[in-house]
Amino acid sequence: MKKKKINKTYLIIFLIVLLIMLLWTLNRCNMYYIVGNYIFDKNYRENFGLADGPTRLNYNLFQLIKYIFTGQIWLFDYILIFGTGLFQVILPGIVSIAGLNFYGKLHTINKTTAYRKKNYANYIANDILLESLKISISVFSAYIAYYLFALYLSGGQLSDYAGRELFLDILGDDFYTKYPYFYYLLDGFVRFFMIPFIYSLYACAISLFANGKKQVFLASNAYYYGLTVVAFGLYMLIGNNAIYLNPTVIMASGAYLDINTILLMSLHMIPIIISYFMIKRHVNHVEL
């Protein structure tokens, strides 16, 4: 029963991440504004209908939504960049589920299982890696589903500008123009697999020392949001160099010019290093 419950958790994460991306896409195309005014504002509804004569005057709500989807030009890269923009804010909350899951196992299943393991350090490390991997696979699978949705909705049509800068300092600016669809798979792998894996690992490591699930959740969010606030403050003092201290930049939907990819990704090695020492300290002091 426990295994089924945990597996359901990863499916729920997949659905939540995908739903947030879809809902954020609707927000970017003014779906909520148009539908809200169409329902509650008679003057707006009448003026909206006059645009196409009597045809639109007879629209029902479902026809209106269909019109919003079909009546505008959708661009594949635009959908991917701005439809996933909210994820930079909710990332810590999503990945903290890894820490909550691991905390639960650590104080139930692992307490008895650990006694049967010859190498406790490997057992804990592998369990943390597996938990982090499951979370990151769930998130990345949602991105792939959204990627396919964006491809279908846009017909693969692209805008005339490069919306992202990650990797281009290494691979060259023409890489984006030559392989745009592969680029967004590579970019998505970093944003929706690698980064969630790193912060899931961090959340699990924190759970080794936490006194409760609330502490796991708060502590696993503190690094990401705390460093973000500090980086925004430094941005006012030192300018663009502060973006390399901001963990949200790699997830950001907007484009940053002349990004140093290695330097930007190096920031996210810090949680891995912290996690390593936390796990090492735990296994050295645990009493079986």
Protein backbone atom coordinates (compact mmCIF):
# COMPACT_ATOMS: atom_id res chain seq x y z
CA MET A 1 0.00 0.00 0.00
CA LYS A 2 2.82 2.40 0.84
CA LYS A 3 4.54 1.85 -2.50
CA LYS A 4 1.36 2.65 -4.44
CA LYS A 5 0.87 5.83 -2.44
CA ILE A 6 4.39 7.07 -3.20
CA ASN A 7 4.10 6.18 -6.91
CA LYS A 8 0.86 8.18 -7.04
CA THR A 9 2.79 11.15 -5.64
CA TYR A 10 5.05 11.29 -8.71
CA LEU A 11 2.06 11.09 -11.05
CA ILE A 12 0.45 13.99 -9.16
CA ILE A 13 3.68 16.01 -9.51
CA PHE A 14 3.67 15.34 -13.25
CA LEU A 15 0.06 16.48 -13.57
CA ILE A 16 0.50 19.57 -11.37
CA VAL A 17 3.59 20.78 -13.28
CA LEU A 18 1.93 20.17 -16.65
CA LEU A 19 -1.29 21.88 -15.53
CA ILE A 20 0.61 24.92 -14.26
CA MET A 21 2.40 25.24 -17.61
CA LEU A 22 -0.89 24.98 -19.51
CA LEU A 23 -2.68 27.46 -17.24
CA TRP A 24 0.23 29.90 -17.47
CA THR A 25 0.06 29.64 -21.27
CA LEU A 26 -3.61 30.60 -21.13
CA ASN A 27 -2.66 33.56 -18.98
CA ARG A 28 -0.07 34.70 -21.54
CA CYS A 29 -2.68 34.69 -24.32
CA ASN A 30 -5.13 36.73 -22.18
CA MET A 31 -7.59 33.84 -21.99
CA TYR A 32 -8.73 34.71 -18.47
CA TYR A 33 -9.15 38.40 -19.28
CA ILE A 34 -11.14 37.78 -22.46
CA VAL A 35 -13.35 35.02 -21.04
CA GLY A 36 -13.96 36.92 -17.78
CA ASN A 37 -15.03 40.09 -19.56
CA TYR A 38 -17.06 38.14 -22.09
CA ILE A 39 -19.07 36.50 -19.30
CA PHE A 40 -19.53 39.42 -16.93
CA ASP A 41 -19.37 42.54 -19.13
CA LYS A 42 -22.26 42.95 -21.59
CA ASN A 43 -20.66 45.90 -23.42
CA TYR A 44 -17.42 43.97 -23.89
CA ARG A 45 -19.36 40.99 -25.20
CA GLU A 46 -21.25 43.11 -27.72
CA ASN A 47 -18.15 44.98 -28.90
CA PHE A 48 -16.26 41.71 -29.17
CA GLY A 49 -19.02 40.31 -31.37
CA LEU A 50 -19.07 43.34 -33.67
CA ALA A 51 -15.49 42.64 -34.76
CA ASP A 52 -16.65 39.83 -37.04
CA GLY A 53 -20.24 40.92 -37.51
CA PRO A 54 -23.10 38.64 -36.44
CA THR A 55 -20.92 35.50 -36.47
CA ARG A 56 -19.25 36.22 -33.17
CA LEU A 57 -22.44 37.60 -31.65
CA ASN A 58 -23.73 34.04 -31.55
CA TYR A 59 -20.60 32.59 -29.91
CA ASN A 60 -21.08 30.47 -26.84
CA LEU A 61 -18.29 30.09 -24.27
CA PHE A 62 -16.74 27.03 -25.90
CA GLN A 63 -16.68 28.69 -29.32
CA LEU A 64 -15.05 31.73 -27.74
CA ILE A 65 -12.26 29.61 -26.23
CA LYS A 66 -11.78 27.87 -29.57
CA TYR A 67 -11.54 31.25 -31.28
CA ILE A 68 -8.85 32.41 -28.84
CA PHE A 69 -6.78 29.34 -29.66
CA THR A 70 -7.29 29.44 -33.42
CA GLY A 71 -7.58 33.20 -33.95
CA GLN A 72 -3.98 34.08 -33.14
CA ILE A 73 -0.51 33.04 -34.26
CA TRP A 74 1.20 30.68 -31.82
CA LEU A 75 4.99 30.51 -31.85
CA PHE A 76 6.71 27.37 -30.55
CA ASP A 77 9.60 29.08 -28.77
CA TYR A 78 7.36 31.78 -27.31
CA ILE A 79 5.05 29.16 -25.79
CA LEU A 80 7.96 27.20 -24.32
CA ILE A 81 9.72 30.22 -22.85
CA PHE A 82 6.79 32.10 -21.36
CA GLY A 83 4.55 29.14 -20.64
CA THR A 84 7.19 27.72 -18.30
CA GLY A 85 8.10 31.04 -16.69
CA LEU A 86 6.18 30.46 -13.46
CA PHE A 87 8.28 27.38 -12.68
CA GLN A 88 11.18 29.53 -11.51
CA VAL A 89 8.95 30.59 -8.60
CA ILE A 90 7.39 27.26 -7.65
CA LEU A 91 10.48 25.06 -8.12
CA PRO A 92 11.44 24.85 -4.40
CA GLY A 93 7.89 23.91 -3.42
CA ILE A 94 7.77 21.11 -5.99
CA VAL A 95 11.15 19.58 -5.17
CA SER A 96 10.64 19.85 -1.41
CA ILE A 97 8.24 16.93 -1.88
CA ALA A 98 11.35 14.77 -2.32
CA GLY A 99 12.53 15.81 1.12
CA LEU A 100 9.09 15.21 2.65
CA ASN A 101 8.90 11.73 1.08
CA PHE A 102 12.40 10.85 2.21
CA TYR A 103 11.77 12.18 5.72
CA GLY A 104 8.72 9.93 5.98
CA LYS A 105 10.69 6.87 4.87
CA LEU A 106 13.65 7.75 7.08
CA HIS A 107 11.47 7.63 10.16
CA THR A 108 9.43 4.57 9.17
CA ILE A 109 10.68 2.10 6.55
CA ASN A 110 14.37 2.99 6.74
CA LYS A 111 14.52 2.61 10.51
CA THR A 112 14.01 -1.13 10.24
CA THR A 113 15.55 -1.70 6.80
CA ALA A 114 18.85 -0.02 7.78
CA TYR A 115 19.61 -2.75 10.28
CA ARG A 116 19.75 -5.32 7.48
CA LYS A 117 22.17 -3.28 5.34
CA LYS A 118 25.92 -3.87 5.60
CA ASN A 119 26.79 -0.48 4.14
CA TYR A 120 24.48 2.13 5.64
CA ALA A 121 26.21 5.02 3.85
CA ASN A 122 25.59 3.52 0.41
CA TYR A 123 22.04 2.63 1.37
CA ILE A 124 21.16 6.20 2.39
CA ALA A 125 23.00 7.79 -0.56
CA ASN A 126 21.31 5.49 -3.08
CA ASP A 127 17.90 6.08 -1.52
CA ILE A 128 18.37 9.86 -1.72
CA LEU A 129 19.56 9.64 -5.33
CA LEU A 130 16.59 7.46 -6.26
CA GLU A 131 14.09 9.80 -4.62
CA SER A 132 15.65 12.82 -6.35
CA LEU A 133 15.66 10.99 -9.67
CA LYS A 134 11.96 10.14 -9.41
CA ILE A 135 11.04 13.76 -8.74
CA SER A 136 13.18 15.10 -11.60
CA ILE A 137 11.83 12.48 -14.03
CA SER A 138 8.27 13.49 -13.08
CA VAL A 139 9.00 17.17 -13.70
CA PHE A 140 10.91 16.57 -16.94
CA SER A 141 8.16 14.27 -18.24
CA ALA A 142 5.69 17.13 -17.72
CA TYR A 143 7.99 19.41 -19.71
CA ILE A 144 8.18 16.88 -22.57
CA ALA A 145 4.38 16.64 -22.63
CA TYR A 146 4.17 20.43 -22.70
CA TYR A 147 6.88 20.54 -25.40
CA LEU A 148 4.74 18.27 -27.60
CA PHE A 149 1.65 20.37 -26.87
CA ALA A 150 3.52 23.55 -27.89
CA LEU A 151 4.76 21.84 -31.03
CA TYR A 152 1.21 20.81 -31.96
CA LEU A 153 -0.38 24.16 -31.12
CA SER A 154 2.19 26.20 -33.04
CA GLY A 155 2.80 23.79 -35.88
CA GLY A 156 6.50 24.29 -35.10
CA GLN A 157 6.43 27.94 -36.15
CA LEU A 158 9.27 29.96 -34.56
CA SER A 159 9.79 33.63 -33.79
CA ASP A 160 12.58 35.66 -35.40
CA TYR A 161 14.72 36.02 -32.28
CA ALA A 162 16.59 33.70 -29.94
CA GLY A 163 14.69 33.70 -26.67
CA ARG A 164 17.32 31.90 -24.60
CA GLU A 165 21.09 32.34 -24.22
CA LEU A 166 22.08 29.23 -22.25
CA PHE A 167 24.81 27.15 -23.98
CA LEU A 168 25.19 29.57 -26.88
CA ASP A 169 28.52 30.87 -25.54
CA ILE A 170 29.80 27.27 -25.81
CA LEU A 171 27.95 25.92 -28.85
CA GLY A 172 27.85 29.17 -30.85
CA ASP A 173 24.97 31.49 -31.74
CA ASP A 174 24.17 29.56 -34.91
CA PHE A 175 23.40 26.43 -32.89
CA TYR A 176 20.06 27.94 -31.91
CA THR A 177 19.11 28.81 -35.49
CA LYS A 178 20.26 25.45 -36.89
CA TYR A 179 18.74 23.19 -34.23
CA PRO A 180 15.97 25.15 -32.44
CA TYR A 181 13.87 22.11 -31.50
CA PHE A 182 16.86 20.21 -30.14
CA TYR A 183 17.98 23.36 -28.34
CA TYR A 184 14.75 23.50 -26.35
CA LEU A 185 15.11 19.83 -25.42
CA LEU A 186 18.62 20.56 -24.15
CA ASP A 187 17.49 23.72 -22.39
CA GLY A 188 14.52 21.85 -20.92
CA PHE A 189 16.76 19.04 -19.68
CA VAL A 190 18.74 21.55 -17.64
CA ARG A 191 15.74 23.49 -16.32
CA PHE A 192 13.37 20.61 -15.71
CA PHE A 193 15.61 17.64 -14.99
CA MET A 194 19.04 18.73 -13.75
CA ILE A 195 17.92 21.65 -11.56
CA PRO A 196 14.99 19.77 -9.96
CA PHE A 197 17.34 16.83 -9.33
CA ILE A 198 19.87 19.09 -7.56
CA TYR A 199 17.32 20.75 -5.30
CA SER A 200 15.52 17.46 -4.61
CA LEU A 201 18.86 16.06 -3.48
CA TYR A 202 19.30 19.09 -1.25
CA ALA A 203 15.81 18.68 0.24
CA CYS A 204 16.49 15.01 1.01
CA ALA A 205 19.80 15.85 2.67
CA ILE A 206 18.07 18.44 4.84
CA SER A 207 15.53 15.83 5.95
CA LEU A 208 18.36 13.87 7.60
CA PHE A 209 18.63 16.56 10.29
CA ALA A 210 15.12 18.04 10.33
CA ASN A 211 12.88 17.67 13.37
CA GLY A 212 9.68 17.56 11.38
CA LYS A 213 8.16 17.84 7.91
CA LYS A 214 7.45 21.53 8.33
CA GLN A 215 11.14 22.11 8.97
CA VAL A 216 12.04 20.06 5.87
CA PHE A 217 9.77 22.20 3.71
CA LEU A 218 10.92 25.55 5.08
CA ALA A 219 14.64 24.73 5.10
CA SER A 220 14.63 23.31 1.56
CA ASN A 221 13.00 26.55 0.33
CA ALA A 222 15.22 28.90 2.36
CA TYR A 223 18.39 28.53 0.27
CA TYR A 224 16.70 29.15 -3.09
CA TYR A 225 14.52 32.08 -2.05
CA GLY A 226 17.06 33.53 0.37
CA LEU A 227 19.83 33.63 -2.21
CA THR A 228 17.38 35.08 -4.75
CA VAL A 229 16.59 38.00 -2.44
CA VAL A 230 20.30 38.61 -1.77
CA ALA A 231 21.08 38.49 -5.51
CA PHE A 232 18.34 41.01 -6.31
CA GLY A 233 19.80 43.33 -3.70
CA LEU A 234 23.29 42.93 -5.13
CA TYR A 235 21.94 43.56 -8.62
CA MET A 236 21.11 47.11 -7.53
CA LEU A 237 24.74 47.57 -6.42
CA ILE A 238 26.91 45.68 -8.92
CA GLY A 239 24.61 45.22 -11.91
CA ASN A 240 24.49 42.20 -14.21
CA ASN A 241 27.24 40.25 -12.45
CA ALA A 242 24.78 39.59 -9.64
CA ILE A 243 22.75 37.28 -11.87
CA TYR A 244 25.38 34.57 -11.28
CA LEU A 245 24.36 34.55 -7.62
CA ASN A 246 20.66 34.27 -8.41
CA PRO A 247 19.39 30.67 -8.62
CA THR A 248 16.24 31.74 -10.49
CA VAL A 249 18.16 33.09 -13.51
CA ILE A 250 18.78 29.67 -15.06
CA MET A 251 15.03 29.01 -14.81
CA ALA A 252 13.93 32.49 -15.91
CA SER A 253 11.72 32.84 -18.96
CA GLY A 254 13.27 36.14 -20.04
CA ALA A 255 16.50 36.29 -22.02
CA TYR A 256 19.77 37.44 -20.45
CA LEU A 257 22.40 38.63 -22.91
CA ASP A 258 25.95 37.26 -22.94
CA ILE A 259 25.34 34.53 -20.38
CA ASN A 260 28.37 32.58 -19.18
CA THR A 261 26.86 29.10 -19.04
CA ILE A 262 29.54 27.44 -16.92
CA LEU A 263 29.53 30.24 -14.36
CA LEU A 264 25.73 30.24 -14.20
CA MET A 265 25.56 26.48 -13.71
CA SER A 266 28.36 26.51 -11.13
CA LEU A 267 26.06 28.22 -8.64
CA HIS A 268 23.89 25.12 -8.60
CA MET A 269 26.79 22.93 -7.58
CA ILE A 270 26.69 24.53 -4.12
CA PRO A 271 23.57 22.58 -2.99
CA ILE A 272 25.26 19.38 -4.17
CA ILE A 273 28.36 20.13 -2.10
CA ILE A 274 26.25 21.02 0.95
CA SER A 275 24.22 17.83 0.48
CA TYR A 276 27.37 15.71 0.28
CA PHE A 277 28.68 16.98 3.61
CA MET A 278 25.26 16.66 5.26
CA ILE A 279 24.92 13.04 4.14
CA LYS A 280 28.50 12.28 5.20
CA ARG A 281 27.94 13.81 8.63
CA HIS A 282 24.72 11.87 9.08
CA VAL A 283 26.16 8.45 8.23
CA ASN A 284 29.22 9.08 10.42
CA HIS A 285 27.11 9.85 13.47
CA VAL A 286 24.16 7.49 13.07
CA GLU A 287 23.78 4.68 15.57
CA LEU A 288 22.35 1.44 14.22
